[in-house]
């Protein structure tokens, strides 16, 4: 898996991802996660680094919970990665699979405070797909409360609360003779994805049926109309450089590219610092939407820019941030944008 797209047709990728990423979607905002299917769930946990100073789960941490589960659900990707690893195991090289998947967009909405002591469960649903793209809906839950002895009850989905709702959009690609293009799903693979989407629909129906006025709690992950990929150019040009960061080895993922979570963290940090400069708090954003646009490389110097007071956010305050390669000079118009994000508090 790779966190951002490589040297491929950017316009094509963005068109595909935006059709999925901005399409009408459902998510779970009800306090209780009643009716959620457990067949695609797995246990997880939080570390102290996952929780911000104000007790809010960090968006990048919520998104990272779905790294491996997402890749496993994209047809053909995991088998290709494993095959490539086996081919180069003896040579001591990092292999690039012929079939891969790029995360081109993701969003999160933190619904409630995370409890460090409570067990964590993640659930992944296939929400939609197109020719070579797929969008996942991820739900992070924890038990509702402890019993009289201070212990959490055994798994009971009807006694759980939703901590976070995440979405991630991937485009499957293939590399041949050094050229990377989209890799459309086969008829058999589309049939599998179609069945997954139908299953998601039934799960949502059960949720609506099991929760009073459940339909009223199904909404998009990000409030309002603000979209990271459609921020006006004049707004982007007005962004202020908050800090510069060199891409270090531990920022790289298994695919040899800058990890999506690291870019998300950097963009979020820039937005929080910009907010603090205007008298705001250091609290982590409760909602974020990120679009990945280009790939960076190990050793790159990147600029983190941010602008506070973005319109189109339905509650609280908003900010937009951008990460760009410093080489070439942003002032000269040669900077390559790695990702763009919008945030809400």
Protein backbone atom coordinates (compact mmCIF):
# COMPACT_ATOMS: atom_id res chain seq x y z
CA UNK A 1 0.00 0.00 0.00
CA UNK A 2 1.13 3.54 -0.68
CA UNK A 3 -0.02 6.65 1.09
CA UNK A 4 -0.01 8.96 -1.91
CA UNK A 5 -0.10 8.62 -5.65
CA UNK A 6 3.08 8.27 -7.72
CA UNK A 7 3.85 9.57 -11.23
CA UNK A 8 0.50 8.79 -12.82
CA UNK A 9 -2.33 10.75 -14.42
CA UNK A 10 -3.29 13.08 -11.54
CA UNK A 11 -6.36 14.49 -13.24
CA UNK A 12 -7.71 10.98 -13.83
CA UNK A 13 -7.10 9.94 -10.23
CA UNK A 14 -8.69 13.06 -8.79
CA UNK A 15 -11.77 12.71 -11.00
CA UNK A 16 -12.23 9.11 -9.89
CA UNK A 17 -11.62 9.82 -6.22
CA UNK A 18 -13.83 12.91 -6.09
CA UNK A 19 -16.75 11.04 -7.66
CA UNK A 20 -16.56 8.59 -4.79
CA UNK A 21 -15.27 10.87 -2.05
CA UNK A 22 -17.87 13.62 -2.51
CA UNK A 23 -20.83 11.37 -3.37
CA UNK A 24 -23.73 11.13 -0.91
CA UNK A 25 -22.61 8.89 1.90
CA UNK A 26 -23.82 7.44 5.17
CA UNK A 27 -22.10 7.39 8.51
CA UNK A 28 -23.01 6.62 12.09
CA UNK A 29 -23.49 9.57 14.37
CA UNK A 30 -25.77 7.95 16.94
CA UNK A 31 -24.21 7.50 20.34
CA UNK A 32 -24.95 3.77 20.27
CA UNK A 33 -23.60 1.56 17.49
CA UNK A 34 -26.60 -0.76 17.59
CA UNK A 35 -27.11 -2.91 14.55
CA UNK A 36 -23.51 -2.83 13.35
CA UNK A 37 -22.37 -6.11 11.86
CA UNK A 38 -19.33 -7.63 13.59
CA UNK A 39 -18.18 -9.87 10.72
CA UNK A 40 -15.70 -7.25 9.50
CA UNK A 41 -14.53 -6.08 12.92
CA UNK A 42 -11.26 -6.56 14.77
CA UNK A 43 -9.85 -5.59 18.17
CA UNK A 44 -7.57 -2.59 18.39
CA UNK A 45 -6.19 -0.24 21.00
CA UNK A 46 -5.06 3.33 21.62
CA UNK A 47 -1.67 4.52 22.83
CA UNK A 48 -0.90 7.75 24.67
CA UNK A 49 0.25 9.27 21.35
CA UNK A 50 -3.19 8.69 19.83
CA UNK A 51 -4.97 11.01 22.27
CA UNK A 52 -4.53 14.78 22.17
CA UNK A 53 -4.02 17.08 25.21
CA UNK A 54 -7.76 17.68 25.48
CA UNK A 55 -8.62 13.97 25.43
CA UNK A 56 -9.66 13.92 21.76
CA UNK A 57 -8.65 11.02 19.54
CA UNK A 58 -6.31 12.24 16.79
CA UNK A 59 -7.77 11.93 13.31
CA UNK A 60 -4.64 10.34 11.81
CA UNK A 61 -4.70 7.69 14.55
CA UNK A 62 -8.30 6.80 13.76
CA UNK A 63 -7.48 6.55 10.05
CA UNK A 64 -4.42 4.36 10.67
CA UNK A 65 -6.62 1.72 12.31
CA UNK A 66 -7.91 0.92 8.83
CA UNK A 67 -4.59 0.70 6.96
CA UNK A 68 -4.23 -3.08 6.67
CA UNK A 69 -7.98 -3.90 6.65
CA UNK A 70 -8.50 -1.57 3.66
CA UNK A 71 -5.62 -3.04 1.67
CA UNK A 72 -6.86 -6.56 2.36
CA UNK A 73 -10.27 -5.68 0.93
CA UNK A 74 -8.99 -4.19 -2.36
CA UNK A 75 -9.02 -7.04 -4.91
CA UNK A 76 -5.59 -8.22 -6.03
CA UNK A 77 -3.47 -5.79 -4.03
CA UNK A 78 -2.41 -7.85 -1.02
CA UNK A 79 -1.56 -10.93 -3.12
CA UNK A 80 0.56 -8.75 -5.44
CA UNK A 81 2.43 -7.17 -2.52
CA UNK A 82 3.15 -10.56 -0.95
CA UNK A 83 4.35 -11.98 -4.29
CA UNK A 84 6.69 -9.05 -4.83
CA UNK A 85 8.11 -9.38 -1.31
CA UNK A 86 8.83 -13.05 -1.95
CA UNK A 87 10.60 -12.36 -5.24
CA UNK A 88 13.08 -9.90 -3.71
CA UNK A 89 13.46 -11.45 -0.28
CA UNK A 90 16.84 -12.95 -1.10
CA UNK A 91 18.13 -9.87 -2.89
CA UNK A 92 17.62 -7.57 0.08
CA UNK A 93 15.60 -5.12 -1.99
CA UNK A 94 12.29 -3.38 -1.40
CA UNK A 95 10.01 -4.55 -4.20
CA UNK A 96 7.29 -2.57 -5.90
CA UNK A 97 4.27 -4.69 -6.71
CA UNK A 98 2.91 -4.59 -10.25
CA UNK A 99 -0.54 -4.07 -8.74
CA UNK A 100 -0.82 -1.46 -6.00
CA UNK A 101 -3.35 0.93 -4.45
CA UNK A 102 -2.99 4.63 -3.71
CA UNK A 103 -4.99 6.39 -1.02
CA UNK A 104 -6.24 9.52 -2.79
CA UNK A 105 -8.61 10.88 -0.16
CA UNK A 106 -9.75 10.34 3.41
CA UNK A 107 -11.86 11.95 6.09
CA UNK A 108 -12.65 11.51 9.75
CA UNK A 109 -15.19 12.74 12.26
CA UNK A 110 -14.50 12.23 15.96
CA UNK A 111 -17.86 11.57 17.62
CA UNK A 112 -16.98 11.12 21.30
CA UNK A 113 -14.08 11.10 23.74
CA UNK A 114 -11.77 8.09 23.55
CA UNK A 115 -11.18 6.01 26.68
CA UNK A 116 -7.59 4.81 27.10
CA UNK A 117 -8.69 1.96 29.38
CA UNK A 118 -11.47 0.58 27.23
CA UNK A 119 -11.04 -1.95 24.42
CA UNK A 120 -11.36 -0.60 20.88
CA UNK A 121 -13.08 -2.20 17.91
CA UNK A 122 -12.81 -1.21 14.27
CA UNK A 123 -15.38 -2.09 11.60
CA UNK A 124 -14.81 -1.69 7.88
CA UNK A 125 -17.53 -1.54 5.22
CA UNK A 126 -17.28 -1.13 1.43
CA UNK A 127 -19.39 1.93 0.69
CA UNK A 128 -18.91 2.33 -3.06
CA UNK A 129 -16.65 1.67 -6.03
CA UNK A 130 -16.04 2.72 -9.63
CA UNK A 131 -13.86 1.48 -12.49
CA UNK A 132 -10.69 1.20 -10.41
CA UNK A 133 -11.59 3.02 -7.18
CA UNK A 134 -13.17 1.90 -3.93
CA UNK A 135 -14.39 3.87 -0.93
CA UNK A 136 -14.45 2.41 2.57
CA UNK A 137 -16.47 3.42 5.61
CA UNK A 138 -14.70 2.71 8.89
CA UNK A 139 -16.30 2.93 12.33
CA UNK A 140 -14.33 2.96 15.60
CA UNK A 141 -16.28 1.90 18.69
CA UNK A 142 -15.74 1.36 22.40
CA UNK A 143 -17.94 -0.14 25.14
CA UNK A 144 -20.54 2.25 26.49
CA UNK A 145 -19.67 1.93 30.19
CA UNK A 146 -18.06 -0.14 32.94
CA UNK A 147 -19.93 -2.45 35.29
CA UNK A 148 -20.10 -2.13 39.08
CA UNK A 149 -16.66 -3.75 39.43
CA UNK A 150 -14.97 -1.29 37.13
CA UNK A 151 -14.73 -3.80 34.31
CA UNK A 152 -16.01 -3.48 30.75
CA UNK A 153 -18.58 -6.04 29.72
CA UNK A 154 -17.90 -8.67 27.08
CA UNK A 155 -18.44 -7.58 23.48
CA UNK A 156 -21.98 -6.33 23.04
CA UNK A 157 -22.53 -4.19 19.95
CA UNK A 158 -25.76 -2.83 21.39
CA UNK A 159 -23.85 -1.34 24.34
CA UNK A 160 -21.18 0.35 22.24
CA UNK A 161 -20.69 3.98 21.34
CA UNK A 162 -19.19 5.38 18.15
CA UNK A 163 -15.84 7.09 18.80
CA UNK A 164 -14.97 7.97 15.21
CA UNK A 165 -16.25 7.60 11.66
CA UNK A 166 -13.67 7.44 8.87
CA UNK A 167 -13.70 7.23 5.09
CA UNK A 168 -10.82 6.31 2.81
CA UNK A 169 -10.79 6.23 -1.00
CA UNK A 170 -8.25 4.16 -2.92
CA UNK A 171 -7.42 3.86 -6.61
CA UNK A 172 -5.92 0.58 -7.81
CA UNK A 173 -2.98 1.00 -10.20
CA UNK A 174 -0.58 -1.14 -12.21
CA UNK A 175 3.03 -0.49 -13.16
CA UNK A 176 4.48 -1.82 -16.40
CA UNK A 177 7.79 -0.77 -18.00
CA UNK A 178 8.05 2.09 -15.55
CA UNK A 179 4.63 3.51 -16.43
CA UNK A 180 1.86 3.57 -13.85
CA UNK A 181 -1.80 3.63 -14.87
CA UNK A 182 -5.14 2.76 -13.29
CA UNK A 183 -5.95 -0.95 -12.99
CA UNK A 184 -9.69 -1.51 -13.64
CA UNK A 185 -11.41 -4.26 -11.70
CA UNK A 186 -12.30 -7.45 -13.54
CA UNK A 187 -15.88 -8.61 -13.86
CA UNK A 188 -15.34 -11.12 -11.05
CA UNK A 189 -13.80 -8.46 -8.80
CA UNK A 190 -16.65 -6.06 -9.48
CA UNK A 191 -19.08 -8.80 -8.48
CA UNK A 192 -17.29 -9.15 -5.13
CA UNK A 193 -17.34 -5.40 -4.55
CA UNK A 194 -21.00 -5.20 -5.53
CA UNK A 195 -21.82 -7.88 -2.96
CA UNK A 196 -19.84 -5.96 -0.34
CA UNK A 197 -21.77 -2.75 -1.12
CA UNK A 198 -25.07 -4.65 -0.84
CA UNK A 199 -24.00 -6.03 2.53
CA UNK A 200 -23.18 -2.51 3.70
CA UNK A 201 -26.67 -1.43 2.68
CA UNK A 202 -28.27 -4.19 4.73
CA UNK A 203 -26.12 -3.32 7.76
CA UNK A 204 -27.18 0.32 7.53
CA UNK A 205 -30.83 -0.74 7.21
CA UNK A 206 -30.52 -2.76 10.41
CA UNK A 207 -28.96 0.21 12.15
CA UNK A 208 -31.81 2.45 11.07
CA UNK A 209 -34.36 -0.14 12.20
CA UNK A 210 -32.73 -0.74 15.58
CA UNK A 211 -32.25 2.89 16.61
CA UNK A 212 -35.21 5.28 17.04
CA UNK A 213 -34.99 7.95 14.34
CA UNK A 214 -31.83 6.21 13.16
CA UNK A 215 -32.08 7.68 9.67
CA UNK A 216 -31.64 11.15 11.12
CA UNK A 217 -28.20 10.15 12.37
CA UNK A 218 -26.82 9.06 8.99
CA UNK A 219 -24.78 11.87 7.48
CA UNK A 220 -21.48 12.63 5.78
CA UNK A 221 -18.19 12.49 7.71
CA UNK A 222 -17.41 16.17 7.22
CA UNK A 223 -19.76 19.04 8.09
CA UNK A 224 -20.79 21.56 5.47
CA UNK A 225 -19.63 21.95 1.88
CA UNK A 226 -15.93 22.63 2.46
CA UNK A 227 -13.80 20.23 0.40
CA UNK A 228 -10.03 19.89 0.53
CA UNK A 229 -9.79 19.32 -3.22
CA UNK A 230 -11.87 22.34 -4.25
CA UNK A 231 -10.42 25.13 -2.09
CA UNK A 232 -10.30 28.27 -4.27
CA UNK A 233 -6.89 28.98 -5.79
CA UNK A 234 -6.82 32.46 -4.31
CA UNK A 235 -7.25 30.91 -0.84
CA UNK A 236 -4.41 28.50 -1.48
CA UNK A 237 -2.12 31.32 -2.66
CA UNK A 238 -2.87 33.19 0.55
CA UNK A 239 -1.70 30.35 2.76
CA UNK A 240 1.02 31.22 5.23
CA UNK A 241 4.03 28.93 5.70
CA UNK A 242 3.83 27.65 9.28
CA UNK A 243 6.88 25.36 9.35
CA UNK A 244 9.22 23.35 7.14
CA UNK A 245 9.90 19.66 7.65
CA UNK A 246 12.37 17.20 6.12
CA UNK A 247 10.93 13.79 5.20
CA UNK A 248 12.74 11.24 7.38
CA UNK A 249 13.04 7.43 7.04
CA UNK A 250 10.41 6.71 9.70
CA UNK A 251 7.91 8.78 7.71
CA UNK A 252 7.97 6.23 4.86
CA UNK A 253 5.52 3.33 4.56
CA UNK A 254 5.88 -0.21 3.20
CA UNK A 255 5.30 1.02 -0.36
CA UNK A 256 8.30 3.34 -0.17
CA UNK A 257 6.24 6.54 -0.13
CA UNK A 258 5.43 9.12 2.52
CA UNK A 259 2.83 7.61 4.85
CA UNK A 260 -0.67 9.08 4.63
CA UNK A 261 -0.89 9.37 8.40
CA UNK A 262 2.32 11.39 8.59
CA UNK A 263 1.09 13.84 5.94
CA UNK A 264 -2.26 14.09 7.74
CA UNK A 265 -0.50 14.80 11.04
CA UNK A 266 1.69 17.50 9.45
CA UNK A 267 -1.27 19.19 7.76
CA UNK A 268 -3.23 19.07 11.00
CA UNK A 269 -0.34 20.48 13.03
CA UNK A 270 -0.06 23.41 10.62
CA UNK A 271 -3.78 24.11 10.93
CA UNK A 272 -3.69 24.01 14.75
CA UNK A 273 -0.68 26.36 14.87
CA UNK A 274 -2.39 28.77 12.47
CA UNK A 275 -5.46 28.67 14.69
CA UNK A 276 -3.36 29.37 17.79
CA UNK A 277 -1.79 32.40 16.08
CA UNK A 278 -5.28 33.86 15.88
CA UNK A 279 -6.01 33.20 19.55
CA UNK A 280 -7.55 29.75 19.21
CA UNK A 281 -6.78 26.71 21.34
CA UNK A 282 -4.45 23.81 20.62
CA UNK A 283 -7.32 21.33 20.64
CA UNK A 284 -7.21 18.69 17.92
CA UNK A 285 -9.70 19.07 15.07
CA UNK A 286 -12.77 16.87 15.39
CA UNK A 287 -13.31 16.67 11.63
CA UNK A 288 -10.89 16.56 8.73
CA UNK A 289 -10.89 15.85 5.01
CA UNK A 290 -7.62 15.25 3.15
CA UNK A 291 -6.91 14.90 -0.58
CA UNK A 292 -3.56 13.46 -1.70
CA UNK A 293 -2.30 14.95 -4.94
CA UNK A 294 1.37 14.10 -5.56
CA UNK A 295 4.11 11.92 -4.11
CA UNK A 296 7.10 13.07 -2.11
CA UNK A 297 10.35 11.27 -1.44
CA UNK A 298 12.74 10.55 1.40
CA UNK A 299 14.86 13.61 2.19
CA UNK A 300 12.46 16.12 0.62
CA UNK A 301 12.02 19.48 2.31
CA UNK A 302 8.33 20.28 2.50
CA UNK A 303 6.52 23.43 3.54
CA UNK A 304 3.45 23.19 5.73
CA UNK A 305 1.04 26.04 5.11
CA UNK A 306 -2.25 26.88 6.75
CA UNK A 307 -5.05 29.41 6.69
CA UNK A 308 -7.73 29.85 9.36
CA UNK A 309 -11.30 30.96 8.88
CA UNK A 310 -12.45 28.79 5.98
CA UNK A 311 -16.09 29.22 4.86
CA UNK A 312 -18.38 26.28 4.26
CA UNK A 313 -18.02 24.61 7.65
CA UNK A 314 -21.38 24.12 9.31
CA UNK A 315 -20.26 24.44 12.92
CA UNK A 316 -17.39 25.88 14.89
CA UNK A 317 -14.32 27.22 13.11
CA UNK A 318 -12.50 25.86 10.09
CA UNK A 319 -9.02 25.90 8.59
CA UNK A 320 -7.33 24.76 5.41
CA UNK A 321 -3.77 23.48 5.14
CA UNK A 322 -1.45 22.46 2.33
CA UNK A 323 1.84 20.56 2.17
CA UNK A 324 4.12 21.50 -0.71
CA UNK A 325 7.63 20.59 -1.82
CA UNK A 326 9.90 23.51 -1.05
CA UNK A 327 12.25 22.86 -3.97
CA UNK A 328 11.43 25.11 -6.91
CA UNK A 329 10.09 27.82 -4.64
CA UNK A 330 6.42 28.34 -3.84
CA UNK A 331 6.74 31.97 -4.87
CA UNK A 332 7.82 30.95 -8.37
CA UNK A 333 4.75 28.80 -8.82
CA UNK A 334 6.85 25.64 -9.20
CA UNK A 335 5.96 24.04 -5.88
CA UNK A 336 4.41 20.60 -6.12
CA UNK A 337 1.49 20.13 -3.73
CA UNK A 338 1.51 16.83 -1.88
CA UNK A 339 -1.82 17.14 -0.10
CA UNK A 340 -4.52 19.61 0.86
CA UNK A 341 -6.87 19.41 3.81
CA UNK A 342 -9.76 21.16 5.50
CA UNK A 343 -10.49 20.93 9.22
CA UNK A 344 -13.30 21.75 11.61
CA UNK A 345 -13.49 22.13 15.40
